[in-house]
């Protein structure tokens, strides 16, 4: 009788392992996907910090802003992130956007309109796996804005560019 019970249970361990391993593997891949999302969010936050820092010490021209984007957006940027998703603004004392150089007191860099796409494993999150990332923002006081102040030996202030 004992042999008959053992014969019925042949291969049962493989079936049990397959069921448990499937759930554990899905759980592990889900944790990795969420970990990569958290890494991407931190990368975006760091990009705003770097862009605000560079914009506060670099020239305010459009060429200089493109150079800032080229420096900040590197190989570590999340998939689908472009310079259109990173906005650099120059603010006056009242935190209103200004284009007048003499009125600039703050520099703000923020993430705008970026959607993170999860892997197909987590496509039930958000809109088919696409989640709108919150608008990260970094505001710093303006510093030199690319203008070298004259000193005792140099009577004229001059501009420098961050890219060259």
Protein backbone atom coordinates (compact mmCIF):
# COMPACT_ATOMS: atom_id res chain seq x y z
CA UNK A 1 0.00 0.00 0.00
CA UNK A 2 2.86 2.38 0.77
CA UNK A 3 4.26 1.99 -2.72
CA UNK A 4 0.95 2.94 -4.25
CA UNK A 5 0.82 6.29 -2.36
CA UNK A 6 4.39 7.10 -3.42
CA UNK A 7 3.57 6.33 -7.05
CA UNK A 8 0.71 8.83 -7.00
CA UNK A 9 3.00 11.54 -5.63
CA UNK A 10 5.72 11.11 -8.27
CA UNK A 11 6.39 14.51 -9.84
CA UNK A 12 4.33 16.39 -7.26
CA UNK A 13 7.40 18.27 -5.99
CA UNK A 14 8.11 19.55 -9.51
CA UNK A 15 4.54 20.83 -9.88
CA UNK A 16 4.63 22.53 -6.47
CA UNK A 17 8.02 24.08 -7.23
CA UNK A 18 6.75 25.38 -10.59
CA UNK A 19 3.76 27.05 -8.98
CA UNK A 20 5.75 28.62 -6.15
CA UNK A 21 8.69 29.59 -8.39
CA UNK A 22 6.34 31.34 -10.85
CA UNK A 23 4.93 33.57 -8.13
CA UNK A 24 8.35 34.23 -6.61
CA UNK A 25 9.82 35.10 -10.00
CA UNK A 26 6.94 37.48 -10.77
CA UNK A 27 7.39 39.08 -7.36
CA UNK A 28 11.13 39.45 -7.89
CA UNK A 29 10.70 40.99 -11.36
CA UNK A 30 8.06 43.36 -9.97
CA UNK A 31 10.44 44.48 -7.24
CA UNK A 32 13.19 45.06 -9.81
CA UNK A 33 10.82 47.08 -12.02
CA UNK A 34 9.70 49.26 -9.12
CA UNK A 35 13.34 49.67 -8.07
CA UNK A 36 14.22 50.86 -11.58
CA UNK A 37 11.29 53.29 -11.45
CA UNK A 38 12.58 54.69 -8.15
CA UNK A 39 16.07 55.00 -9.67
CA UNK A 40 14.60 56.85 -12.67
CA UNK A 41 12.67 59.23 -10.40
CA UNK A 42 15.84 59.99 -8.45
CA UNK A 43 17.71 60.55 -11.73
CA UNK A 44 15.04 63.05 -12.82
CA UNK A 45 15.31 64.84 -9.48
CA UNK A 46 19.09 65.02 -9.89
CA UNK A 47 18.70 66.38 -13.42
CA UNK A 48 16.66 69.32 -12.14
CA UNK A 49 19.30 70.01 -9.50
CA UNK A 50 22.13 69.96 -12.05
CA UNK A 51 20.20 72.06 -14.59
CA UNK A 52 19.34 74.72 -12.00
CA UNK A 53 22.94 74.85 -10.81
CA UNK A 54 24.33 75.19 -14.32
CA UNK A 55 21.71 77.77 -15.32
CA UNK A 56 22.56 79.89 -12.28
CA UNK A 57 26.23 80.15 -13.34
CA UNK A 58 25.96 79.96 -17.16
CA UNK A 59 25.01 82.51 -19.77
CA UNK A 60 21.25 82.96 -20.23
CA UNK A 61 21.26 82.66 -24.04
CA UNK A 62 19.33 79.94 -25.87
CA UNK A 63 22.59 78.38 -27.04
CA UNK A 64 23.74 78.10 -23.46
CA UNK A 65 20.44 76.47 -22.42
CA UNK A 66 20.84 73.82 -25.11
CA UNK A 67 24.36 73.16 -23.79
CA UNK A 68 22.90 72.79 -20.30
CA UNK A 69 20.41 70.22 -21.63
CA UNK A 70 23.22 68.36 -23.40
CA UNK A 71 25.24 68.22 -20.19
CA UNK A 72 22.36 67.26 -17.90
CA UNK A 73 20.56 64.75 -20.12
CA UNK A 74 23.02 61.91 -20.46
CA UNK A 75 22.96 58.15 -20.88
CA UNK A 76 21.39 57.71 -17.44
CA UNK A 77 18.21 59.55 -18.44
CA UNK A 78 15.07 57.41 -18.33
CA UNK A 79 13.75 56.06 -21.63
CA UNK A 80 11.82 58.67 -23.59
CA UNK A 81 13.14 61.67 -21.65
CA UNK A 82 14.13 64.59 -23.91
CA UNK A 83 15.11 68.22 -23.51
CA UNK A 84 11.43 69.13 -24.06
CA UNK A 85 10.70 67.53 -20.67
CA UNK A 86 13.22 69.73 -18.85
CA UNK A 87 12.29 73.39 -18.46
CA UNK A 88 14.72 76.04 -17.23
CA UNK A 89 13.16 79.36 -16.21
CA UNK A 90 14.61 82.60 -14.92
CA UNK A 91 12.57 84.26 -12.16
CA UNK A 92 12.35 87.74 -10.68
CA UNK A 93 11.96 88.66 -6.97
CA UNK A 94 8.27 87.71 -7.03
CA UNK A 95 9.03 84.30 -8.60
CA UNK A 96 7.49 85.35 -11.92
CA UNK A 97 9.20 84.25 -15.13
CA UNK A 98 11.29 87.08 -16.61
CA UNK A 99 13.52 87.56 -19.64
CA UNK A 100 15.12 90.79 -18.40
CA UNK A 101 18.67 90.01 -17.33
CA UNK A 102 18.77 92.70 -14.60
CA UNK A 103 15.58 91.32 -12.97
CA UNK A 104 16.72 87.69 -12.65
CA UNK A 105 16.98 86.63 -9.01
CA UNK A 106 16.25 82.90 -9.14
CA UNK A 107 16.65 80.00 -11.55
CA UNK A 108 14.11 77.18 -11.65
CA UNK A 109 14.53 73.84 -13.40
CA UNK A 110 11.58 71.48 -13.50
CA UNK A 111 10.37 68.28 -15.12
CA UNK A 112 7.42 68.93 -17.41
CA UNK A 113 5.03 66.47 -19.03
CA UNK A 114 7.06 63.27 -18.69
CA UNK A 115 5.39 59.86 -18.55
CA UNK A 116 7.34 56.84 -17.29
CA UNK A 117 6.58 53.55 -19.04
CA UNK A 118 6.69 50.44 -16.83
CA UNK A 119 7.62 47.07 -18.28
CA UNK A 120 4.87 44.82 -19.58
CA UNK A 121 4.94 42.94 -16.30
CA UNK A 122 3.48 45.95 -14.49
CA UNK A 123 1.29 47.30 -17.28
CA UNK A 124 -1.73 47.22 -14.98
CA UNK A 125 -0.30 50.28 -13.17
CA UNK A 126 -1.53 53.64 -14.45
CA UNK A 127 -2.62 53.85 -18.07
CA UNK A 128 -1.27 50.62 -19.61
CA UNK A 129 1.88 50.88 -17.52
CA UNK A 130 2.39 54.58 -18.21
CA UNK A 131 2.60 56.83 -15.15
CA UNK A 132 2.91 60.61 -15.22
CA UNK A 133 5.92 61.61 -13.17
CA UNK A 134 5.30 64.42 -10.72
CA UNK A 135 6.79 67.79 -11.62
CA UNK A 136 10.15 67.78 -9.87
CA UNK A 137 11.44 71.28 -9.37
CA UNK A 138 14.63 72.87 -8.11
CA UNK A 139 14.89 76.62 -7.52
CA UNK A 140 18.23 78.25 -6.76
CA UNK A 141 19.29 81.88 -6.38
CA UNK A 142 20.95 83.24 -9.47
CA UNK A 143 24.69 83.61 -9.22
CA UNK A 144 26.90 84.94 -12.01
CA UNK A 145 24.58 83.95 -14.91
CA UNK A 146 27.69 83.67 -17.06
CA UNK A 147 28.97 87.17 -16.42
CA UNK A 148 32.49 87.51 -15.07
CA UNK A 149 32.57 90.52 -12.81
CA UNK A 150 35.43 92.97 -13.40
CA UNK A 151 38.20 92.93 -10.84
CA UNK A 152 41.10 95.28 -10.08
CA UNK A 153 43.17 94.07 -13.06
CA UNK A 154 40.31 93.78 -15.55
CA UNK A 155 38.05 96.79 -16.13
CA UNK A 156 35.45 95.16 -18.33
CA UNK A 157 33.09 92.34 -17.43
CA UNK A 158 32.91 89.58 -19.99
CA UNK A 159 30.72 86.57 -20.62
CA UNK A 160 31.66 82.95 -20.58
CA UNK A 161 29.75 79.99 -21.85
CA UNK A 162 29.37 76.66 -20.05
CA UNK A 163 29.83 74.59 -23.19
CA UNK A 164 33.10 75.89 -24.40
